[in-house]
Amino acid sequence: MPTVIAQGKTFECEQGANLRRVLLEQGVELYNQSASVINCRGIGTCGTCAVTIEGEVSDMSWREKTRLAVPPHSPEKNLEKNRRLACQIKVMGDVKVSKYDGFWGQGDRLVW
């Protein structure tokens, strides 16, 4: 089973598990500010669950590519920092997840 490291916590999940669901089940504060209340609930349209990911995960879907290509996200910054949408990621191996500031997690200051 893959190991996930996020917000100072380490836990395991099933291979192929949806990262957003895993993080929320483990009590990880995935959303910044009021995005916890007004988000798309995992369909990949709002972009508020943007995280930086290191490790083995699924390839980026067309929905994720499309959402991360428009403001407030930046394609250049996404590539530089391995930014992805947690709701669109399947955990395939061990991963480390980080979150940046900004309503959509698009900022430059590391939150966790």
N, C-alpha and C. Protein backbone atom coordinates (compact mmCIF):
# COMPACT_ATOMS: atom_id res chain seq x y z
N MET A 1 0.84 -1.19 0.00
CA MET A 1 0.00 0.00 0.00
C MET A 1 0.88 1.24 0.00
N PRO A 2 0.53 2.21 -0.84
CA PRO A 2 1.31 3.45 -0.90
C PRO A 2 1.25 4.24 0.40
N THR A 3 2.32 4.96 0.67
CA THR A 3 2.39 5.86 1.82
C THR A 3 2.21 7.29 1.31
N VAL A 4 1.39 8.05 2.04
CA VAL A 4 1.14 9.45 1.71
C VAL A 4 1.65 10.30 2.87
N ILE A 5 2.42 11.34 2.54
CA ILE A 5 2.88 12.30 3.54
C ILE A 5 2.25 13.64 3.19
N ALA A 6 1.49 14.20 4.15
CA ALA A 6 0.82 15.49 3.92
C ALA A 6 0.53 16.16 5.24
N GLN A 7 0.77 17.44 5.32
CA GLN A 7 0.49 18.27 6.49
C GLN A 7 1.06 17.67 7.78
N GLY A 8 2.28 17.13 7.69
CA GLY A 8 2.95 16.57 8.85
C GLY A 8 2.43 15.20 9.26
N LYS A 9 1.56 14.60 8.47
CA LYS A 9 1.00 13.28 8.77
C LYS A 9 1.52 12.28 7.75
N THR A 10 1.64 11.05 8.18
CA THR A 10 2.02 9.95 7.28
C THR A 10 0.98 8.85 7.45
N PHE A 11 0.43 8.38 6.33
CA PHE A 11 -0.60 7.34 6.38
C PHE A 11 -0.57 6.55 5.08
N GLU A 12 -1.24 5.43 5.07
CA GLU A 12 -1.30 4.59 3.90
C GLU A 12 -2.67 4.67 3.24
N CYS A 13 -2.71 4.32 1.97
CA CYS A 13 -3.98 4.25 1.25
C CYS A 13 -3.89 3.14 0.22
N GLU A 14 -5.01 2.78 -0.34
CA GLU A 14 -5.05 1.78 -1.39
C GLU A 14 -4.40 2.33 -2.66
N GLN A 15 -3.73 1.50 -3.41
CA GLN A 15 -3.19 1.93 -4.69
C GLN A 15 -4.36 2.25 -5.61
N GLY A 16 -4.29 3.39 -6.29
CA GLY A 16 -5.37 3.83 -7.17
C GLY A 16 -6.42 4.68 -6.48
N ALA A 17 -6.24 4.93 -5.18
CA ALA A 17 -7.20 5.74 -4.42
C ALA A 17 -7.14 7.19 -4.89
N ASN A 18 -8.27 7.86 -4.81
CA ASN A 18 -8.36 9.28 -5.16
C ASN A 18 -7.71 10.10 -4.06
N LEU A 19 -6.73 10.94 -4.42
CA LEU A 19 -5.96 11.69 -3.42
C LEU A 19 -6.83 12.63 -2.60
N ARG A 20 -7.77 13.33 -3.22
CA ARG A 20 -8.64 14.25 -2.48
C ARG A 20 -9.38 13.51 -1.37
N ARG A 21 -9.98 12.39 -1.71
CA ARG A 21 -10.74 11.62 -0.71
C ARG A 21 -9.83 11.14 0.41
N VAL A 22 -8.66 10.65 0.05
CA VAL A 22 -7.71 10.15 1.05
C VAL A 22 -7.32 11.26 2.01
N LEU A 23 -6.97 12.43 1.48
CA LEU A 23 -6.55 13.55 2.34
C LEU A 23 -7.68 13.98 3.27
N LEU A 24 -8.88 14.13 2.74
CA LEU A 24 -10.00 14.55 3.57
C LEU A 24 -10.33 13.51 4.64
N GLU A 25 -10.28 12.23 4.29
CA GLU A 25 -10.54 11.16 5.27
C GLU A 25 -9.52 11.17 6.41
N GLN A 26 -8.31 11.63 6.11
CA GLN A 26 -7.24 11.68 7.12
C GLN A 26 -7.21 13.00 7.88
N GLY A 27 -8.17 13.87 7.63
CA GLY A 27 -8.25 15.14 8.35
C GLY A 27 -7.26 16.19 7.87
N VAL A 28 -6.73 16.04 6.69
CA VAL A 28 -5.81 17.02 6.13
C VAL A 28 -6.63 18.22 5.64
N GLU A 29 -6.18 19.42 5.98
CA GLU A 29 -6.86 20.65 5.58
C GLU A 29 -6.48 20.99 4.15
N LEU A 30 -7.21 20.43 3.21
CA LEU A 30 -6.89 20.54 1.80
C LEU A 30 -7.20 21.90 1.21
N TYR A 31 -8.19 22.58 1.74
CA TYR A 31 -8.65 23.83 1.14
C TYR A 31 -8.21 25.04 1.95
N ASN A 32 -7.86 26.11 1.25
CA ASN A 32 -7.49 27.37 1.88
C ASN A 32 -8.72 28.25 2.01
N GLN A 33 -8.76 29.03 3.06
CA GLN A 33 -9.82 30.02 3.29
C GLN A 33 -11.20 29.39 3.17
N SER A 34 -12.13 30.05 2.52
CA SER A 34 -13.50 29.52 2.44
C SER A 34 -13.68 28.54 1.29
N ALA A 35 -12.61 28.14 0.64
CA ALA A 35 -12.71 27.14 -0.43
C ALA A 35 -13.21 25.81 0.12
N SER A 36 -13.09 25.58 1.43
CA SER A 36 -13.60 24.35 2.02
C SER A 36 -15.12 24.28 1.93
N VAL A 37 -15.76 25.44 1.80
CA VAL A 37 -17.21 25.50 1.70
C VAL A 37 -17.67 25.58 0.26
N ILE A 38 -16.97 26.37 -0.53
CA ILE A 38 -17.39 26.56 -1.92
C ILE A 38 -16.36 25.96 -2.88
N ASN A 39 -16.43 24.65 -3.06
CA ASN A 39 -15.58 23.96 -4.03
C ASN A 39 -16.44 23.01 -4.83
N CYS A 40 -15.90 22.44 -5.86
CA CYS A 40 -16.69 21.61 -6.79
C CYS A 40 -16.91 20.18 -6.30
N ARG A 41 -16.42 19.86 -5.12
CA ARG A 41 -16.61 18.54 -4.52
C ARG A 41 -15.96 17.40 -5.31
N GLY A 42 -14.90 17.74 -6.04
CA GLY A 42 -14.10 16.70 -6.66
C GLY A 42 -14.34 16.43 -8.13
N ILE A 43 -15.04 17.31 -8.83
CA ILE A 43 -15.26 17.05 -10.25
C ILE A 43 -14.22 17.74 -11.14
N GLY A 44 -13.31 18.49 -10.54
CA GLY A 44 -12.19 19.05 -11.30
C GLY A 44 -12.46 20.37 -11.99
N THR A 45 -13.49 21.09 -11.57
CA THR A 45 -13.81 22.34 -12.26
C THR A 45 -13.40 23.60 -11.52
N CYS A 46 -13.23 23.54 -10.21
CA CYS A 46 -12.94 24.78 -9.47
C CYS A 46 -11.45 25.06 -9.32
N GLY A 47 -10.64 24.04 -9.14
CA GLY A 47 -9.20 24.23 -9.01
C GLY A 47 -8.72 24.56 -7.62
N THR A 48 -9.60 24.51 -6.60
CA THR A 48 -9.19 24.89 -5.24
C THR A 48 -8.41 23.81 -4.51
N CYS A 49 -8.39 22.60 -5.02
CA CYS A 49 -7.65 21.52 -4.35
C CYS A 49 -6.24 21.36 -4.94
N ALA A 50 -5.72 22.42 -5.57
CA ALA A 50 -4.38 22.35 -6.16
C ALA A 50 -3.34 22.09 -5.09
N VAL A 51 -2.49 21.12 -5.35
CA VAL A 51 -1.40 20.75 -4.45
C VAL A 51 -0.14 20.54 -5.27
N THR A 52 0.99 20.50 -4.59
CA THR A 52 2.24 20.11 -5.21
C THR A 52 2.47 18.66 -4.83
N ILE A 53 2.81 17.87 -5.81
CA ILE A 53 2.91 16.43 -5.59
C ILE A 53 4.28 15.91 -6.00
N GLU A 54 4.84 15.05 -5.17
CA GLU A 54 6.08 14.34 -5.49
C GLU A 54 5.78 12.87 -5.31
N GLY A 55 6.08 12.08 -6.31
CA GLY A 55 5.86 10.65 -6.20
C GLY A 55 5.07 10.10 -7.37
N GLU A 56 4.63 8.88 -7.20
CA GLU A 56 3.98 8.15 -8.29
C GLU A 56 2.47 8.32 -8.26
N VAL A 57 1.97 9.04 -9.25
CA VAL A 57 0.52 9.28 -9.37
C VAL A 57 0.09 9.09 -10.83
N SER A 58 -1.21 9.09 -11.03
CA SER A 58 -1.77 8.95 -12.38
C SER A 58 -1.38 10.14 -13.25
N ASP A 59 -1.48 9.92 -14.55
CA ASP A 59 -1.22 11.00 -15.50
C ASP A 59 -2.33 12.05 -15.41
N MET A 60 -2.03 13.23 -15.89
CA MET A 60 -2.98 14.32 -15.86
C MET A 60 -4.09 14.10 -16.89
N SER A 61 -5.33 14.24 -16.46
CA SER A 61 -6.48 14.08 -17.35
C SER A 61 -6.72 15.36 -18.13
N TRP A 62 -7.54 15.29 -19.17
CA TRP A 62 -7.88 16.49 -19.96
C TRP A 62 -8.57 17.53 -19.09
N ARG A 63 -9.41 17.07 -18.15
CA ARG A 63 -10.12 18.00 -17.27
C ARG A 63 -9.14 18.78 -16.40
N GLU A 64 -8.17 18.07 -15.85
CA GLU A 64 -7.18 18.71 -14.99
C GLU A 64 -6.30 19.66 -15.80
N LYS A 65 -5.85 19.23 -16.97
CA LYS A 65 -5.03 20.10 -17.82
C LYS A 65 -5.77 21.38 -18.16
N THR A 66 -7.06 21.23 -18.49
CA THR A 66 -7.87 22.38 -18.86
C THR A 66 -8.00 23.35 -17.70
N ARG A 67 -8.33 22.86 -16.51
CA ARG A 67 -8.53 23.74 -15.35
C ARG A 67 -7.24 24.44 -14.94
N LEU A 68 -6.14 23.72 -14.97
CA LEU A 68 -4.87 24.31 -14.55
C LEU A 68 -4.26 25.23 -15.60
N ALA A 69 -4.85 25.28 -16.79
CA ALA A 69 -4.34 26.13 -17.86
C ALA A 69 -4.91 27.55 -17.84
N VAL A 70 -5.88 27.81 -16.97
CA VAL A 70 -6.51 29.13 -16.94
C VAL A 70 -6.34 29.77 -15.56
N PRO A 71 -6.37 31.11 -15.51
CA PRO A 71 -6.20 31.82 -14.25
C PRO A 71 -7.24 31.39 -13.22
N PRO A 72 -6.84 31.40 -11.97
CA PRO A 72 -5.62 31.99 -11.42
C PRO A 72 -4.41 31.07 -11.49
N HIS A 73 -4.58 29.87 -12.03
CA HIS A 73 -3.44 28.97 -12.17
C HIS A 73 -2.58 29.39 -13.35
N SER A 74 -1.34 28.97 -13.32
CA SER A 74 -0.38 29.33 -14.36
C SER A 74 0.31 28.07 -14.86
N PRO A 75 0.19 27.75 -16.14
CA PRO A 75 0.84 26.54 -16.66
C PRO A 75 2.34 26.48 -16.34
N GLU A 76 3.03 27.60 -16.42
CA GLU A 76 4.47 27.61 -16.14
C GLU A 76 4.74 27.27 -14.68
N LYS A 77 3.99 27.88 -13.78
CA LYS A 77 4.17 27.62 -12.35
C LYS A 77 3.77 26.19 -12.01
N ASN A 78 2.73 25.68 -12.65
CA ASN A 78 2.29 24.31 -12.41
C ASN A 78 3.39 23.32 -12.74
N LEU A 79 4.04 23.50 -13.88
CA LEU A 79 5.12 22.61 -14.28
C LEU A 79 6.31 22.72 -13.33
N GLU A 80 6.65 23.96 -12.98
CA GLU A 80 7.80 24.22 -12.10
C GLU A 80 7.61 23.56 -10.74
N LYS A 81 6.39 23.59 -10.22
CA LYS A 81 6.16 23.11 -8.85
C LYS A 81 5.37 21.81 -8.79
N ASN A 82 5.22 21.12 -9.91
CA ASN A 82 4.45 19.87 -9.94
C ASN A 82 3.05 20.04 -9.37
N ARG A 83 2.40 21.14 -9.73
CA ARG A 83 1.05 21.40 -9.23
C ARG A 83 0.04 20.53 -9.96
N ARG A 84 -0.86 19.96 -9.18
CA ARG A 84 -1.92 19.11 -9.69
C ARG A 84 -3.19 19.35 -8.88
N LEU A 85 -4.31 18.84 -9.36
CA LEU A 85 -5.57 18.90 -8.61
C LEU A 85 -5.74 17.58 -7.87
N ALA A 86 -5.82 17.65 -6.55
CA ALA A 86 -5.93 16.45 -5.74
C ALA A 86 -7.13 15.60 -6.14
N CYS A 87 -8.20 16.24 -6.57
CA CYS A 87 -9.42 15.50 -6.92
C CYS A 87 -9.26 14.67 -8.18
N GLN A 88 -8.25 14.94 -8.98
CA GLN A 88 -8.06 14.23 -10.23
C GLN A 88 -6.89 13.23 -10.19
N ILE A 89 -6.27 13.10 -9.03
CA ILE A 89 -5.08 12.25 -8.89
C ILE A 89 -5.44 10.90 -8.29
N LYS A 90 -4.91 9.85 -8.91
CA LYS A 90 -4.96 8.51 -8.33
C LYS A 90 -3.57 8.23 -7.78
N VAL A 91 -3.50 7.80 -6.53
CA VAL A 91 -2.23 7.50 -5.89
C VAL A 91 -1.76 6.12 -6.38
N MET A 92 -0.63 6.09 -7.04
CA MET A 92 -0.11 4.84 -7.60
C MET A 92 1.09 4.29 -6.81
N GLY A 93 1.72 5.15 -6.00
CA GLY A 93 2.87 4.76 -5.19
C GLY A 93 3.03 5.78 -4.08
N ASP A 94 4.16 5.75 -3.39
CA ASP A 94 4.40 6.68 -2.30
C ASP A 94 4.41 8.12 -2.82
N VAL A 95 3.77 9.03 -2.07
CA VAL A 95 3.71 10.43 -2.48
C VAL A 95 3.90 11.36 -1.29
N LYS A 96 4.42 12.54 -1.61
CA LYS A 96 4.51 13.64 -0.65
C LYS A 96 3.69 14.78 -1.24
N VAL A 97 2.79 15.34 -0.43
CA VAL A 97 1.88 16.38 -0.89
C VAL A 97 2.16 17.66 -0.11
N SER A 98 2.20 18.79 -0.81
CA SER A 98 2.38 20.11 -0.20
C SER A 98 1.28 21.03 -0.70
N LYS A 99 0.97 22.04 0.09
CA LYS A 99 -0.08 23.01 -0.27
C LYS A 99 0.50 24.41 -0.19
N TYR A 100 0.17 25.23 -1.19
CA TYR A 100 0.59 26.63 -1.21
C TYR A 100 -0.57 27.55 -0.86
N ASP A 101 -0.26 28.79 -0.58
CA ASP A 101 -1.28 29.77 -0.20
C ASP A 101 -2.10 30.20 -1.41
N GLY A 102 -3.02 31.11 -1.17
CA GLY A 102 -3.94 31.58 -2.20
C GLY A 102 -5.22 30.76 -2.14
N PHE A 103 -6.31 31.37 -2.51
CA PHE A 103 -7.61 30.71 -2.44
C PHE A 103 -7.60 29.37 -3.19
N TRP A 104 -6.98 29.34 -4.35
CA TRP A 104 -6.92 28.14 -5.18
C TRP A 104 -5.64 27.33 -4.95
N GLY A 105 -4.82 27.71 -3.98
CA GLY A 105 -3.55 27.04 -3.78
C GLY A 105 -2.54 27.40 -4.84
N GLN A 106 -2.75 28.54 -5.48
CA GLN A 106 -1.91 28.96 -6.61
C GLN A 106 -0.75 29.87 -6.19
N GLY A 107 -0.65 30.18 -4.90
CA GLY A 107 0.36 31.13 -4.44
C GLY A 107 1.77 30.58 -4.44
N ASP A 108 2.68 31.35 -3.88
CA ASP A 108 4.10 30.99 -3.83
C ASP A 108 4.60 30.65 -2.43
N ARG A 109 3.75 30.87 -1.42
CA ARG A 109 4.17 30.61 -0.04
C ARG A 109 3.63 29.25 0.41
N LEU A 110 4.52 28.39 0.86
CA LEU A 110 4.15 27.06 1.32
C LEU A 110 3.31 27.16 2.59
N VAL A 111 2.15 26.52 2.60
CA VAL A 111 1.27 26.50 3.78
C VAL A 111 1.59 25.25 4.60
N TRP A 112 1.74 24.12 3.94
CA TRP A 112 2.16 22.86 4.59
C TRP A 112 2.78 21.96 3.55
